[in-house]
Amino acid sequence: MKGINYVTDEKDRKVAGQIDLKTHGKLWEDFYDTIVAEQRGDEEKIPLAEVIRTLKEEGRLD
C-alpha cells in the first residue's frame, strides 16, 4: 500500500509499520481517536450541560 512501510525482523516477519501522515493522516487520526475512546470507556460520564457550565464558570467558554 502506498505510504505504508513495514519494518521486518531477521525472518522477514513484519514487526512494525511506518505510516506516511501526508498520505494517510486522516485515517490515522480516526484510528487513534477510536483507540482513545475505547480506553476511556470506563471513565466517569459527565453530562454536557455540566461541562458547559463549568467551562463558563472558569471563563473558558462564552
PDB file of N, CA and C in Angstrom:
ATOM      1  N   MET A   1       0.854  -1.167   0.000  1.00  0.00           N
ATOM      2  CA  MET A   1       0.000   0.000   0.000  1.00  0.00           C
ATOM      3  C   MET A   1       0.906   1.237   0.000  1.00  0.00           C
ATOM      4  N   LYS A   2       0.620   2.170  -0.858  1.00  0.00           N
ATOM      5  CA  LYS A   2       1.422   3.385  -0.954  1.00  0.00           C
ATOM      6  C   LYS A   2       1.325   4.179   0.352  1.00  0.00           C
ATOM      7  N   GLY A   3       2.477   4.617   0.848  1.00  0.00           N
ATOM      8  CA  GLY A   3       2.510   5.393   2.072  1.00  0.00           C
ATOM      9  C   GLY A   3       2.619   4.563   3.332  1.00  0.00           C
ATOM     10  N   ILE A   4       2.720   3.237   3.188  1.00  0.00           N
ATOM     11  CA  ILE A   4       2.872   2.340   4.330  1.00  0.00           C
ATOM     12  C   ILE A   4       4.139   1.518   4.108  1.00  0.00           C
ATOM     13  N   ASN A   5       5.026   1.530   5.088  1.00  0.00           N
ATOM     14  CA  ASN A   5       6.241   0.716   5.030  1.00  0.00           C
ATOM     15  C   ASN A   5       6.296  -0.148   6.275  1.00  0.00           C
ATOM     16  N   TYR A   6       6.869  -1.325   6.142  1.00  0.00           N
ATOM     17  CA  TYR A   6       6.962  -2.242   7.268  1.00  0.00           C
ATOM     18  C   TYR A   6       8.411  -2.460   7.655  1.00  0.00           C
ATOM     19  N   VAL A   7       8.633  -2.612   8.953  1.00  0.00           N
ATOM     20  CA  VAL A   7       9.930  -2.999   9.486  1.00  0.00           C
ATOM     21  C   VAL A   7       9.830  -4.493   9.738  1.00  0.00           C
ATOM     22  N   THR A   8      10.814  -5.236   9.260  1.00  0.00           N
ATOM     23  CA  THR A   8      10.778  -6.692   9.405  1.00  0.00           C
ATOM     24  C   THR A   8      11.949  -7.169  10.254  1.00  0.00           C
ATOM     25  N   ASP A   9      11.776  -8.333  10.842  1.00  0.00           N
ATOM     26  CA  ASP A   9      12.858  -8.930  11.620  1.00  0.00           C
ATOM     27  C   ASP A   9      13.733  -9.787  10.709  1.00  0.00           C
ATOM     28  N   GLU A  10      14.665 -10.512  11.317  1.00  0.00           N
ATOM     29  CA  GLU A  10      15.608 -11.317  10.535  1.00  0.00           C
ATOM     30  C   GLU A  10      14.941 -12.451   9.756  1.00  0.00           C
ATOM     31  N   LYS A  11      13.720 -12.821  10.134  1.00  0.00           N
ATOM     32  CA  LYS A  11      12.985 -13.864   9.409  1.00  0.00           C
ATOM     33  C   LYS A  11      11.954 -13.253   8.464  1.00  0.00           C
ATOM     34  N   ASP A  12      12.081 -11.966   8.211  1.00  0.00           N
ATOM     35  CA  ASP A  12      11.221 -11.221   7.294  1.00  0.00           C
ATOM     36  C   ASP A  12       9.765 -11.149   7.760  1.00  0.00           C
ATOM     37  N   ARG A  13       9.563 -11.219   9.082  1.00  0.00           N
ATOM     38  CA  ARG A  13       8.221 -11.058   9.647  1.00  0.00           C
ATOM     39  C   ARG A  13       8.003  -9.583   9.952  1.00  0.00           C
ATOM     40  N   LYS A  14       6.824  -9.077   9.661  1.00  0.00           N
ATOM     41  CA  LYS A  14       6.502  -7.676   9.938  1.00  0.00           C
ATOM     42  C   LYS A  14       6.399  -7.480  11.449  1.00  0.00           C
ATOM     43  N   VAL A  15       7.181  -6.541  11.967  1.00  0.00           N
ATOM     44  CA  VAL A  15       7.178  -6.282  13.406  1.00  0.00           C
ATOM     45  C   VAL A  15       6.755  -4.852  13.745  1.00  0.00           C
ATOM     46  N   ALA A  16       6.742  -3.975  12.753  1.00  0.00           N
ATOM     47  CA  ALA A  16       6.339  -2.585  12.974  1.00  0.00           C
ATOM     48  C   ALA A  16       5.976  -1.975  11.632  1.00  0.00           C
ATOM     49  N   GLY A  17       5.338  -0.834  11.700  1.00  0.00           N
ATOM     50  CA  GLY A  17       4.956  -0.161  10.466  1.00  0.00           C
ATOM     51  C   GLY A  17       5.215   1.327  10.542  1.00  0.00           C
ATOM     52  N   GLN A  18       5.406   1.925   9.382  1.00  0.00           N
ATOM     53  CA  GLN A  18       5.549   3.368   9.259  1.00  0.00           C
ATOM     54  C   GLN A  18       4.428   3.851   8.353  1.00  0.00           C
ATOM     55  N   ILE A  19       3.750   4.899   8.791  1.00  0.00           N
ATOM     56  CA  ILE A  19       2.633   5.441   8.023  1.00  0.00           C
ATOM     57  C   ILE A  19       2.982   6.860   7.595  1.00  0.00           C
ATOM     58  N   ASP A  20       2.875   7.136   6.311  1.00  0.00           N
ATOM     59  CA  ASP A  20       3.087   8.487   5.790  1.00  0.00           C
ATOM     60  C   ASP A  20       1.852   9.306   6.146  1.00  0.00           C
ATOM     61  N   LEU A  21       2.017  10.244   7.078  1.00  0.00           N
ATOM     62  CA  LEU A  21       0.868  11.013   7.551  1.00  0.00           C
ATOM     63  C   LEU A  21       0.347  11.996   6.512  1.00  0.00           C
ATOM     64  N   LYS A  22       1.172  12.362   5.546  1.00  0.00           N
ATOM     65  CA  LYS A  22       0.673  13.212   4.463  1.00  0.00           C
ATOM     66  C   LYS A  22      -0.321  12.432   3.609  1.00  0.00           C
ATOM     67  N   THR A  23      -0.080  11.145   3.463  1.00  0.00           N
ATOM     68  CA  THR A  23      -0.947  10.290   2.652  1.00  0.00           C
ATOM     69  C   THR A  23      -2.124   9.746   3.459  1.00  0.00           C
ATOM     70  N   HIS A  24      -1.865   9.324   4.692  1.00  0.00           N
ATOM     71  CA  HIS A  24      -2.872   8.619   5.490  1.00  0.00           C
ATOM     72  C   HIS A  24      -3.163   9.302   6.827  1.00  0.00           C
ATOM     73  N   GLY A  25      -2.939  10.604   6.912  1.00  0.00           N
ATOM     74  CA  GLY A  25      -3.132  11.315   8.176  1.00  0.00           C
ATOM     75  C   GLY A  25      -4.538  11.224   8.726  1.00  0.00           C
ATOM     76  N   LYS A  26      -5.534  11.394   7.883  1.00  0.00           N
ATOM     77  CA  LYS A  26      -6.931  11.342   8.333  1.00  0.00           C
ATOM     78  C   LYS A  26      -7.290   9.940   8.830  1.00  0.00           C
ATOM     79  N   LEU A  27      -6.841   8.927   8.111  1.00  0.00           N
ATOM     80  CA  LEU A  27      -7.097   7.546   8.525  1.00  0.00           C
ATOM     81  C   LEU A  27      -6.448   7.270   9.880  1.00  0.00           C
ATOM     82  N   TRP A  28      -5.200   7.725  10.053  1.00  0.00           N
ATOM     83  CA  TRP A  28      -4.503   7.532  11.325  1.00  0.00           C
ATOM     84  C   TRP A  28      -5.240   8.258  12.449  1.00  0.00           C
ATOM     85  N   GLU A  29      -5.695   9.471  12.193  1.00  0.00           N
ATOM     86  CA  GLU A  29      -6.418  10.239  13.204  1.00  0.00           C
ATOM     87  C   GLU A  29      -7.683   9.497  13.636  1.00  0.00           C
ATOM     88  N   ASP A  30      -8.422   8.953  12.690  1.00  0.00           N
ATOM     89  CA  ASP A  30      -9.634   8.189  13.009  1.00  0.00           C
ATOM     90  C   ASP A  30      -9.292   6.953  13.838  1.00  0.00           C
ATOM     91  N   PHE A  31      -8.237   6.255  13.448  1.00  0.00           N
ATOM     92  CA  PHE A  31      -7.791   5.057  14.164  1.00  0.00           C
ATOM     93  C   PHE A  31      -7.396   5.417  15.599  1.00  0.00           C
ATOM     94  N   TYR A  32      -6.606   6.468  15.743  1.00  0.00           N
ATOM     95  CA  TYR A  32      -6.145   6.902  17.061  1.00  0.00           C
ATOM     96  C   TYR A  32      -7.321   7.332  17.938  1.00  0.00           C
ATOM     97  N   ASP A  33      -8.255   8.098  17.373  1.00  0.00           N
ATOM     98  CA  ASP A  33      -9.430   8.537  18.127  1.00  0.00           C
ATOM     99  C   ASP A  33     -10.238   7.349  18.636  1.00  0.00           C
ATOM    100  N   THR A  34     -10.343   6.311  17.821  1.00  0.00           N
ATOM    101  CA  THR A  34     -11.072   5.106  18.220  1.00  0.00           C
ATOM    102  C   THR A  34     -10.396   4.430  19.406  1.00  0.00           C
ATOM    103  N   ILE A  35      -9.076   4.340  19.362  1.00  0.00           N
ATOM    104  CA  ILE A  35      -8.330   3.721  20.462  1.00  0.00           C
ATOM    105  C   ILE A  35      -8.508   4.525  21.748  1.00  0.00           C
ATOM    106  N   VAL A  36      -8.383   5.841  21.664  1.00  0.00           N
ATOM    107  CA  VAL A  36      -8.528   6.697  22.843  1.00  0.00           C
ATOM    108  C   VAL A  36      -9.937   6.570  23.419  1.00  0.00           C
ATOM    109  N   ALA A  37     -10.946   6.591  22.568  1.00  0.00           N
ATOM    110  CA  ALA A  37     -12.333   6.471  23.032  1.00  0.00           C
ATOM    111  C   ALA A  37     -12.557   5.133  23.729  1.00  0.00           C
ATOM    112  N   GLU A  38     -11.980   4.082  23.184  1.00  0.00           N
ATOM    113  CA  GLU A  38     -12.126   2.755  23.779  1.00  0.00           C
ATOM    114  C   GLU A  38     -11.467   2.709  25.156  1.00  0.00           C
ATOM    115  N   GLN A  39     -10.314   3.326  25.290  1.00  0.00           N
ATOM    116  CA  GLN A  39      -9.613   3.338  26.574  1.00  0.00           C
ATOM    117  C   GLN A  39     -10.369   4.145  27.620  1.00  0.00           C
ATOM    118  N   ARG A  40     -11.139   5.117  27.193  1.00  0.00           N
ATOM    119  CA  ARG A  40     -11.879   5.973  28.119  1.00  0.00           C
ATOM    120  C   ARG A  40     -13.261   5.423  28.449  1.00  0.00           C
ATOM    121  N   GLY A  41     -13.578   4.256  27.967  1.00  0.00           N
ATOM    122  CA  GLY A  41     -14.907   3.681  28.135  1.00  0.00           C
ATOM    123  C   GLY A  41     -15.354   3.514  29.567  1.00  0.00           C
ATOM    124  N   ASP A  42     -14.411   3.317  30.487  1.00  0.00           N
ATOM    125  CA  ASP A  42     -14.768   3.098  31.888  1.00  0.00           C
ATOM    126  C   ASP A  42     -14.714   4.369  32.723  1.00  0.00           C
ATOM    127  N   GLU A  43     -14.366   5.492  32.096  1.00  0.00           N
ATOM    128  CA  GLU A  43     -14.288   6.743  32.843  1.00  0.00           C
ATOM    129  C   GLU A  43     -15.687   7.248  33.199  1.00  0.00           C
ATOM    130  N   GLU A  44     -15.712   8.066  34.245  1.00  0.00           N
ATOM    131  CA  GLU A  44     -16.975   8.658  34.680  1.00  0.00           C
ATOM    132  C   GLU A  44     -17.555   9.530  33.561  1.00  0.00           C
ATOM    133  N   LYS A  45     -18.842   9.417  33.365  1.00  0.00           N
ATOM    134  CA  LYS A  45     -19.541  10.228  32.361  1.00  0.00           C
ATOM    135  C   LYS A  45     -20.002  11.528  33.012  1.00  0.00           C
ATOM    136  N   ILE A  46     -19.786  12.651  32.320  1.00  0.00           N
ATOM    137  CA  ILE A  46     -20.212  13.956  32.816  1.00  0.00           C
ATOM    138  C   ILE A  46     -21.207  14.529  31.813  1.00  0.00           C
ATOM    139  N   PRO A  47     -22.393  14.915  32.270  1.00  0.00           N
ATOM    140  CA  PRO A  47     -23.389  15.478  31.355  1.00  0.00           C
ATOM    141  C   PRO A  47     -22.848  16.729  30.652  1.00  0.00           C
ATOM    142  N   LEU A  48     -23.196  16.895  29.384  1.00  0.00           N
ATOM    143  CA  LEU A  48     -22.729  18.030  28.593  1.00  0.00           C
ATOM    144  C   LEU A  48     -23.081  19.355  29.257  1.00  0.00           C
ATOM    145  N   ALA A  49     -24.280  19.459  29.795  1.00  0.00           N
ATOM    146  CA  ALA A  49     -24.704  20.705  30.447  1.00  0.00           C
ATOM    147  C   ALA A  49     -23.760  21.064  31.597  1.00  0.00           C
ATOM    148  N   GLU A  50     -23.306  20.072  32.327  1.00  0.00           N
ATOM    149  CA  GLU A  50     -22.377  20.316  33.435  1.00  0.00           C
ATOM    150  C   GLU A  50     -21.014  20.772  32.916  1.00  0.00           C
ATOM    151  N   VAL A  51     -20.549  20.178  31.842  1.00  0.00           N
ATOM    152  CA  VAL A  51     -19.274  20.580  31.239  1.00  0.00           C
ATOM    153  C   VAL A  51     -19.351  22.030  30.776  1.00  0.00           C
ATOM    154  N   ILE A  52     -20.433  22.385  30.099  1.00  0.00           N
ATOM    155  CA  ILE A  52     -20.616  23.757  29.608  1.00  0.00           C
ATOM    156  C   ILE A  52     -20.643  24.737  30.778  1.00  0.00           C
ATOM    157  N   ARG A  53     -21.388  24.412  31.818  1.00  0.00           N
ATOM    158  CA  ARG A  53     -21.479  25.286  32.991  1.00  0.00           C
ATOM    159  C   ARG A  53     -20.098  25.482  33.620  1.00  0.00           C
ATOM    160  N   THR A  54     -19.350  24.415  33.784  1.00  0.00           N
ATOM    161  CA  THR A  54     -18.009  24.502  34.371  1.00  0.00           C
ATOM    162  C   THR A  54     -17.082  25.354  33.519  1.00  0.00           C
ATOM    163  N   LEU A  55     -17.109  25.154  32.210  1.00  0.00           N
ATOM    164  CA  LEU A  55     -16.255  25.940  31.315  1.00  0.00           C
ATOM    165  C   LEU A  55     -16.608  27.422  31.372  1.00  0.00           C
ATOM    166  N   LYS A  56     -17.893  27.730  31.460  1.00  0.00           N
ATOM    167  CA  LYS A  56     -18.316  29.134  31.573  1.00  0.00           C
ATOM    168  C   LYS A  56     -17.849  29.733  32.895  1.00  0.00           C
ATOM    169  N   GLU A  57     -17.974  28.972  33.977  1.00  0.00           N
ATOM    170  CA  GLU A  57     -17.533  29.447  35.288  1.00  0.00           C
ATOM    171  C   GLU A  57     -16.031  29.717  35.304  1.00  0.00           C
ATOM    172  N   GLU A  58     -15.277  28.922  34.576  1.00  0.00           N
ATOM    173  CA  GLU A  58     -13.821  29.079  34.511  1.00  0.00           C
ATOM    174  C   GLU A  58     -13.401  30.138  33.496  1.00  0.00           C
ATOM    175  N   GLY A  59     -14.368  30.700  32.769  1.00  0.00           N
ATOM    176  CA  GLY A  59     -14.065  31.724  31.783  1.00  0.00           C
ATOM    177  C   GLY A  59     -13.453  31.186  30.502  1.00  0.00           C
ATOM    178  N   ARG A  60     -13.590  29.885  30.276  1.00  0.00           N
ATOM    179  CA  ARG A  60     -13.022  29.282  29.067  1.00  0.00           C
ATOM    180  C   ARG A  60     -14.050  29.122  27.955  1.00  0.00           C
ATOM    181  N   LEU A  61     -15.279  29.564  28.237  1.00  0.00           N
ATOM    182  CA  LEU A  61     -16.356  29.491  27.250  1.00  0.00           C
ATOM    183  C   LEU A  61     -17.278  30.677  27.478  1.00  0.00           C
ATOM    184  N   ASP A  62     -17.661  31.335  26.391  1.00  0.00           N
ATOM    185  CA  ASP A  62     -18.566  32.494  26.495  1.00  0.00           C
ATOM    186  C   ASP A  62     -20.006  32.054  26.486  1.00  0.00           C
TER     187      ASP A  62
END
